[in-house]
């Protein structure tokens, strides 16, 4: 079986993730919008478009109970999105200044989670995932 994804020429990379039992993919495009798509049983359907001129990586990753997607660009700040379960799509969460990111990898040491961000033009950086409780 083979199926095409409509209106998604020039996809640079595809990465998948799960929300409960649903399968999603992040499709990275250097020119045009990157997309989040959901498997509907026989094909992928568009869930969300992300402006992504100059992007070489659109990496989904899960840290504890949070699902994130990181969209790295050669021309602008790296955008971090966090999954909104009620809306069933990503919401803009944070920006990071990483020059020309190419990959993101999550790793844990003891009770700490770190994000490794490789860069094509700058220094490779490591970020610590911090949770700030604002409920008080």
N, C-alpha and C. Protein backbone atom coordinates (compact mmCIF):
# COMPACT_ATOMS: atom_id res chain seq x y z
N UNK A 1 0.83 -1.18 0.00
CA UNK A 1 0.00 0.00 0.00
C UNK A 1 0.87 1.24 0.00
N UNK A 2 0.46 2.23 -0.75
CA UNK A 2 1.19 3.48 -0.82
C UNK A 2 0.18 4.61 -0.86
N UNK A 3 0.48 5.70 -0.15
CA UNK A 3 -0.39 6.87 -0.18
C UNK A 3 0.47 8.11 -0.24
N UNK A 4 0.03 9.11 -0.96
CA UNK A 4 0.74 10.38 -1.05
C UNK A 4 0.17 11.35 -0.03
N UNK A 5 0.99 12.29 0.35
CA UNK A 5 0.54 13.37 1.22
C UNK A 5 0.35 14.59 0.33
N UNK A 6 -0.89 15.06 0.18
CA UNK A 6 -1.14 16.16 -0.74
C UNK A 6 -0.48 17.46 -0.30
N UNK A 7 -0.05 18.24 -1.29
CA UNK A 7 0.53 19.57 -1.09
C UNK A 7 1.73 19.56 -0.16
N UNK A 8 2.55 18.51 -0.22
CA UNK A 8 3.74 18.45 0.61
C UNK A 8 4.96 18.04 -0.20
N UNK A 9 5.25 18.83 -1.23
CA UNK A 9 6.47 18.62 -2.00
C UNK A 9 7.66 19.15 -1.20
N UNK A 10 8.82 18.67 -1.53
CA UNK A 10 10.07 19.15 -0.96
C UNK A 10 10.16 18.98 0.55
N UNK A 11 9.66 17.88 1.06
CA UNK A 11 9.79 17.60 2.49
C UNK A 11 11.22 17.16 2.76
N UNK A 12 11.85 17.82 3.72
CA UNK A 12 13.24 17.53 4.05
C UNK A 12 13.35 16.36 5.04
N UNK A 13 12.41 16.30 6.01
CA UNK A 13 12.47 15.24 7.01
C UNK A 13 11.07 14.96 7.55
N UNK A 14 10.89 13.75 8.06
CA UNK A 14 9.64 13.35 8.69
C UNK A 14 9.95 12.64 10.00
N UNK A 15 9.27 13.06 11.07
CA UNK A 15 9.44 12.46 12.40
C UNK A 15 8.05 12.19 12.96
N UNK A 16 7.88 11.08 13.63
CA UNK A 16 6.56 10.73 14.17
C UNK A 16 6.52 10.86 15.69
N UNK A 17 5.30 10.94 16.22
CA UNK A 17 5.08 10.90 17.65
C UNK A 17 3.66 10.39 17.91
N UNK A 18 3.40 10.02 19.15
CA UNK A 18 2.09 9.50 19.55
C UNK A 18 1.48 10.43 20.60
N UNK A 19 0.17 10.61 20.52
CA UNK A 19 -0.62 11.21 21.59
C UNK A 19 -1.69 10.17 21.89
N UNK A 20 -1.58 9.57 23.05
CA UNK A 20 -2.39 8.40 23.42
C UNK A 20 -2.16 7.34 22.34
N UNK A 21 -3.19 6.92 21.61
CA UNK A 21 -3.00 5.91 20.56
C UNK A 21 -2.92 6.51 19.17
N UNK A 22 -3.06 7.82 19.06
CA UNK A 22 -3.04 8.46 17.75
C UNK A 22 -1.60 8.71 17.27
N UNK A 23 -1.39 8.48 15.97
CA UNK A 23 -0.07 8.67 15.36
C UNK A 23 -0.07 9.99 14.59
N UNK A 24 0.97 10.77 14.82
CA UNK A 24 1.15 12.06 14.13
C UNK A 24 2.53 12.07 13.50
N UNK A 25 2.70 12.92 12.49
CA UNK A 25 4.02 13.14 11.91
C UNK A 25 4.28 14.64 11.82
N UNK A 26 5.53 15.01 11.98
CA UNK A 26 6.00 16.37 11.74
C UNK A 26 6.80 16.34 10.44
N UNK A 27 6.35 17.09 9.46
CA UNK A 27 7.02 17.14 8.16
C UNK A 27 7.76 18.47 8.04
N UNK A 28 9.06 18.40 7.82
CA UNK A 28 9.90 19.60 7.76
C UNK A 28 10.09 20.05 6.32
N UNK A 29 9.89 21.34 6.09
CA UNK A 29 10.14 21.92 4.77
C UNK A 29 11.04 23.14 4.91
N UNK A 30 12.02 23.26 4.04
CA UNK A 30 12.92 24.41 4.04
C UNK A 30 12.23 25.63 3.42
N UNK A 31 11.47 25.39 2.37
CA UNK A 31 10.70 26.45 1.71
C UNK A 31 9.23 26.08 1.86
N UNK A 32 8.43 27.00 2.35
CA UNK A 32 7.01 26.70 2.58
C UNK A 32 6.77 26.36 4.03
N UNK A 33 5.56 25.96 4.34
CA UNK A 33 5.19 25.64 5.71
C UNK A 33 5.45 24.19 6.03
N UNK A 34 5.96 23.95 7.24
CA UNK A 34 6.04 22.59 7.75
C UNK A 34 4.66 22.23 8.29
N UNK A 35 4.42 20.92 8.46
CA UNK A 35 3.08 20.50 8.88
C UNK A 35 3.13 19.43 9.95
N UNK A 36 2.07 19.43 10.76
CA UNK A 36 1.76 18.33 11.66
C UNK A 36 0.56 17.64 11.04
N UNK A 37 0.66 16.31 10.90
CA UNK A 37 -0.43 15.55 10.29
C UNK A 37 -0.77 14.36 11.17
N UNK A 38 -2.02 13.93 11.12
CA UNK A 38 -2.52 12.82 11.94
C UNK A 38 -2.96 11.68 11.03
N UNK A 39 -2.61 10.46 11.43
CA UNK A 39 -3.03 9.27 10.69
C UNK A 39 -4.51 9.04 10.93
N UNK A 40 -5.29 8.91 9.85
CA UNK A 40 -6.74 8.75 9.93
C UNK A 40 -7.21 7.35 9.53
N UNK A 41 -6.31 6.40 9.58
CA UNK A 41 -6.69 5.02 9.27
C UNK A 41 -6.27 4.59 7.88
N UNK A 42 -6.35 5.48 6.90
CA UNK A 42 -5.91 5.14 5.55
C UNK A 42 -5.07 6.24 4.92
N UNK A 43 -4.97 7.37 5.60
CA UNK A 43 -4.16 8.48 5.08
C UNK A 43 -3.87 9.47 6.21
N UNK A 44 -2.91 10.36 5.94
CA UNK A 44 -2.60 11.42 6.89
C UNK A 44 -3.41 12.66 6.54
N UNK A 45 -3.96 13.30 7.57
CA UNK A 45 -4.73 14.54 7.40
C UNK A 45 -4.01 15.67 8.13
N UNK A 46 -4.04 16.84 7.52
CA UNK A 46 -3.38 18.00 8.10
C UNK A 46 -4.06 18.42 9.41
N UNK A 47 -3.23 18.68 10.41
CA UNK A 47 -3.70 19.17 11.69
C UNK A 47 -3.30 20.63 11.87
N UNK A 48 -2.06 20.95 11.41
CA UNK A 48 -1.52 22.28 11.69
C UNK A 48 -0.38 22.60 10.73
N UNK A 49 -0.30 23.88 10.36
CA UNK A 49 0.81 24.39 9.55
C UNK A 49 1.70 25.27 10.42
N UNK A 50 3.01 25.19 10.20
CA UNK A 50 3.96 26.02 10.93
C UNK A 50 4.80 26.79 9.92
N UNK A 51 4.84 28.12 10.02
CA UNK A 51 5.74 28.88 9.15
C UNK A 51 7.17 28.41 9.40
N UNK A 52 7.87 28.06 8.33
CA UNK A 52 9.16 27.41 8.57
C UNK A 52 10.23 27.71 7.52
N UNK A 53 10.22 28.89 6.95
CA UNK A 53 11.24 29.21 5.95
C UNK A 53 12.63 29.02 6.56
N UNK A 54 13.43 28.22 5.89
CA UNK A 54 14.79 27.97 6.35
C UNK A 54 14.91 26.86 7.38
N UNK A 55 13.87 26.08 7.57
CA UNK A 55 13.93 25.03 8.58
C UNK A 55 14.53 23.74 8.03
N UNK A 56 15.38 23.14 8.83
CA UNK A 56 15.98 21.86 8.49
C UNK A 56 15.62 20.78 9.50
N UNK A 57 14.91 21.16 10.58
CA UNK A 57 14.52 20.19 11.59
C UNK A 57 13.21 20.61 12.25
N UNK A 58 12.31 19.65 12.36
CA UNK A 58 11.04 19.81 13.08
C UNK A 58 10.90 18.56 13.91
N UNK A 59 11.40 18.61 15.14
CA UNK A 59 11.61 17.43 15.97
C UNK A 59 10.58 17.33 17.08
N UNK A 60 9.72 16.31 17.05
CA UNK A 60 8.84 16.07 18.20
C UNK A 60 9.61 15.34 19.29
N UNK A 61 9.33 15.67 20.54
CA UNK A 61 9.90 14.91 21.64
C UNK A 61 9.04 15.03 22.88
N UNK A 62 9.09 13.98 23.68
CA UNK A 62 8.29 13.92 24.91
C UNK A 62 9.23 13.99 26.09
N UNK A 63 8.90 14.90 27.03
CA UNK A 63 9.62 14.99 28.29
C UNK A 63 8.58 14.79 29.39
N UNK A 64 8.71 13.68 30.10
CA UNK A 64 7.73 13.31 31.13
C UNK A 64 6.34 13.29 30.52
N UNK A 65 5.44 14.13 30.97
CA UNK A 65 4.05 14.12 30.46
C UNK A 65 3.82 15.17 29.38
N UNK A 66 4.84 15.90 28.98
CA UNK A 66 4.69 16.97 28.00
C UNK A 66 5.19 16.54 26.63
N UNK A 67 4.38 16.82 25.62
CA UNK A 67 4.78 16.57 24.23
C UNK A 67 5.16 17.91 23.63
N UNK A 68 6.38 17.98 23.09
CA UNK A 68 6.87 19.20 22.47
C UNK A 68 7.18 18.93 20.99
N UNK A 69 7.31 20.00 20.24
CA UNK A 69 7.88 19.94 18.89
C UNK A 69 8.79 21.15 18.77
N UNK A 70 9.97 20.94 18.25
CA UNK A 70 10.95 22.02 18.10
C UNK A 70 11.19 22.24 16.62
N UNK A 71 10.97 23.47 16.18
CA UNK A 71 11.14 23.85 14.78
C UNK A 71 12.35 24.77 14.68
N UNK A 72 13.44 24.23 14.15
CA UNK A 72 14.68 25.00 14.04
C UNK A 72 14.82 25.61 12.66
N UNK A 73 15.34 26.83 12.61
CA UNK A 73 15.46 27.56 11.35
C UNK A 73 16.85 28.16 11.19
N UNK A 74 17.29 28.26 9.93
CA UNK A 74 18.55 28.93 9.64
C UNK A 74 18.41 30.46 9.65
N UNK A 75 17.18 30.97 9.60
CA UNK A 75 16.96 32.41 9.43
C UNK A 75 16.28 33.10 10.60
N UNK A 76 15.79 32.34 11.58
CA UNK A 76 15.09 32.97 12.70
C UNK A 76 15.30 32.14 13.96
N UNK A 77 14.69 32.58 15.06
CA UNK A 77 14.80 31.86 16.31
C UNK A 77 14.15 30.48 16.19
N UNK A 78 14.67 29.54 16.95
CA UNK A 78 14.07 28.21 17.04
C UNK A 78 12.80 28.32 17.86
N UNK A 79 11.72 27.75 17.35
CA UNK A 79 10.43 27.81 18.02
C UNK A 79 10.15 26.49 18.74
N UNK A 80 9.73 26.59 20.00
CA UNK A 80 9.32 25.42 20.75
C UNK A 80 7.81 25.49 20.93
N UNK A 81 7.17 24.40 20.57
CA UNK A 81 5.72 24.28 20.70
C UNK A 81 5.41 23.19 21.71
N UNK A 82 4.33 23.37 22.49
CA UNK A 82 3.89 22.34 23.43
C UNK A 82 2.48 21.91 23.04
N UNK A 83 2.22 20.61 23.12
CA UNK A 83 0.95 20.04 22.71
C UNK A 83 -0.16 20.51 23.64
N UNK A 84 -1.24 21.02 23.04
CA UNK A 84 -2.45 21.41 23.77
C UNK A 84 -3.47 20.30 23.56
N UNK A 85 -3.71 19.49 24.59
CA UNK A 85 -4.60 18.34 24.48
C UNK A 85 -6.04 18.71 24.17
N UNK A 86 -6.49 19.86 24.67
CA UNK A 86 -7.88 20.27 24.41
C UNK A 86 -8.10 20.66 22.96
N UNK A 87 -7.12 21.33 22.38
CA UNK A 87 -7.24 21.77 20.98
C UNK A 87 -6.68 20.75 20.00
N UNK A 88 -5.99 19.74 20.53
CA UNK A 88 -5.35 18.69 19.72
C UNK A 88 -4.42 19.29 18.66
N UNK A 89 -3.59 20.24 19.11
CA UNK A 89 -2.55 20.82 18.25
C UNK A 89 -1.49 21.47 19.13
N UNK A 90 -0.42 21.90 18.49
CA UNK A 90 0.67 22.54 19.22
C UNK A 90 0.37 24.03 19.42
N UNK A 91 0.82 24.54 20.57
CA UNK A 91 0.73 25.97 20.87
C UNK A 91 2.15 26.49 21.07
N UNK A 92 2.40 27.70 20.60
CA UNK A 92 3.72 28.30 20.75
C UNK A 92 4.04 28.39 22.24
N UNK A 93 5.25 27.96 22.59
CA UNK A 93 5.62 27.87 24.00
C UNK A 93 6.82 28.75 24.34
N UNK A 94 7.87 28.70 23.49
CA UNK A 94 9.11 29.40 23.82
C UNK A 94 9.96 29.55 22.57
N UNK A 95 10.88 30.51 22.59
CA UNK A 95 11.88 30.68 21.53
C UNK A 95 13.27 30.46 22.11
N UNK A 96 14.15 29.92 21.27
CA UNK A 96 15.55 29.75 21.66
C UNK A 96 16.43 30.27 20.53
N UNK A 97 17.55 30.85 20.89
CA UNK A 97 18.48 31.37 19.91
C UNK A 97 19.56 30.33 19.62
N UNK A 98 19.28 29.50 18.63
CA UNK A 98 20.23 28.47 18.20
C UNK A 98 20.49 28.70 16.72
N UNK A 99 21.74 28.92 16.35
CA UNK A 99 22.07 29.19 14.96
C UNK A 99 22.05 27.91 14.14
N UNK A 100 21.24 27.89 13.11
CA UNK A 100 21.19 26.78 12.14
C UNK A 100 21.16 25.41 12.82
N UNK A 101 20.14 25.14 13.65
CA UNK A 101 20.08 23.82 14.30
C UNK A 101 19.83 22.71 13.28
N UNK A 102 20.40 21.55 13.58
CA UNK A 102 20.25 20.41 12.68
C UNK A 102 19.60 19.21 13.35
N UNK A 103 19.69 19.13 14.67
CA UNK A 103 19.08 17.99 15.38
C UNK A 103 18.93 18.33 16.85
N UNK A 104 17.92 17.69 17.45
CA UNK A 104 17.69 17.82 18.88
C UNK A 104 17.56 16.41 19.45
N UNK A 105 18.21 16.18 20.59
CA UNK A 105 18.16 14.89 21.23
C UNK A 105 17.92 15.10 22.71
N UNK A 106 17.01 14.32 23.25
CA UNK A 106 16.71 14.38 24.67
C UNK A 106 17.46 13.27 25.39
N UNK A 107 18.05 13.59 26.53
CA UNK A 107 18.67 12.56 27.35
C UNK A 107 18.47 12.89 28.82
N UNK A 108 18.44 11.86 29.64
CA UNK A 108 18.21 12.02 31.08
C UNK A 108 19.41 11.49 31.85
N UNK A 109 19.76 12.24 32.89
CA UNK A 109 20.82 11.82 33.81
C UNK A 109 20.25 12.01 35.21
N UNK A 110 20.27 10.95 35.99
CA UNK A 110 19.64 10.96 37.31
C UNK A 110 18.19 11.39 37.16
N UNK A 111 17.78 12.47 37.79
CA UNK A 111 16.39 12.94 37.69
C UNK A 111 16.28 14.17 36.80
N UNK A 112 17.27 14.44 36.01
CA UNK A 112 17.29 15.64 35.18
C UNK A 112 17.15 15.29 33.71
N UNK A 113 16.42 16.13 32.97
CA UNK A 113 16.26 15.97 31.53
C UNK A 113 16.99 17.09 30.82
N UNK A 114 17.75 16.72 29.79
CA UNK A 114 18.53 17.69 29.04
C UNK A 114 18.20 17.58 27.55
N UNK A 115 18.25 18.71 26.88
CA UNK A 115 18.06 18.78 25.44
C UNK A 115 19.39 19.17 24.81
N UNK A 116 19.87 18.31 23.94
CA UNK A 116 21.11 18.53 23.21
C UNK A 116 20.73 19.12 21.85
N UNK A 117 21.23 20.32 21.52
CA UNK A 117 20.90 21.01 20.27
C UNK A 117 22.17 21.19 19.44
N UNK A 118 22.27 20.44 18.35
CA UNK A 118 23.45 20.59 17.48
C UNK A 118 23.23 21.76 16.53
N UNK A 119 24.32 22.42 16.17
CA UNK A 119 24.25 23.62 15.34
C UNK A 119 25.23 23.51 14.18
N UNK A 120 24.78 23.94 13.01
CA UNK A 120 25.63 23.92 11.82
C UNK A 120 26.57 25.12 11.79
N UNK A 121 26.11 26.28 12.29
CA UNK A 121 26.89 27.52 12.21
C UNK A 121 27.41 28.03 13.54
N UNK A 122 26.89 27.52 14.64
CA UNK A 122 27.28 28.03 15.95
C UNK A 122 27.73 26.91 16.85
N UNK A 123 27.71 27.21 18.15
CA UNK A 123 28.12 26.20 19.12
C UNK A 123 26.96 25.26 19.42
N UNK A 124 27.29 24.02 19.69
CA UNK A 124 26.30 23.06 20.13
C UNK A 124 25.96 23.39 21.57
N UNK A 125 24.66 23.31 21.90
CA UNK A 125 24.22 23.75 23.22
C UNK A 125 23.45 22.63 23.92
N UNK A 126 23.48 22.69 25.26
CA UNK A 126 22.72 21.75 26.08
C UNK A 126 21.83 22.57 27.00
N UNK A 127 20.53 22.22 27.01
CA UNK A 127 19.55 22.91 27.84
C UNK A 127 18.99 21.94 28.86
N UNK A 128 18.75 22.44 30.07
CA UNK A 128 18.12 21.63 31.12
C UNK A 128 16.63 21.93 31.13
N UNK A 129 15.80 20.90 31.15
CA UNK A 129 14.35 21.07 31.21
C UNK A 129 13.98 21.41 32.65
N UNK A 130 13.37 22.58 32.83
CA UNK A 130 13.01 23.06 34.17
C UNK A 130 11.50 23.28 34.22
N UNK A 131 10.88 22.82 35.29
CA UNK A 131 9.45 23.02 35.50
C UNK A 131 9.30 24.06 36.61
N UNK A 132 8.57 25.13 36.32
CA UNK A 132 8.33 26.18 37.30
C UNK A 132 6.85 26.13 37.68
N UNK A 133 6.57 25.91 38.94
CA UNK A 133 5.20 25.82 39.43
C UNK A 133 4.68 27.23 39.74
N UNK A 134 3.74 27.69 38.94
CA UNK A 134 3.16 29.03 39.11
C UNK A 134 1.79 28.97 39.78
N UNK A 135 1.44 27.82 40.33
CA UNK A 135 0.09 27.65 40.88
C UNK A 135 -0.09 28.32 42.25
N UNK A 136 0.97 28.62 42.94
CA UNK A 136 0.87 29.20 44.29
C UNK A 136 0.54 30.67 44.26
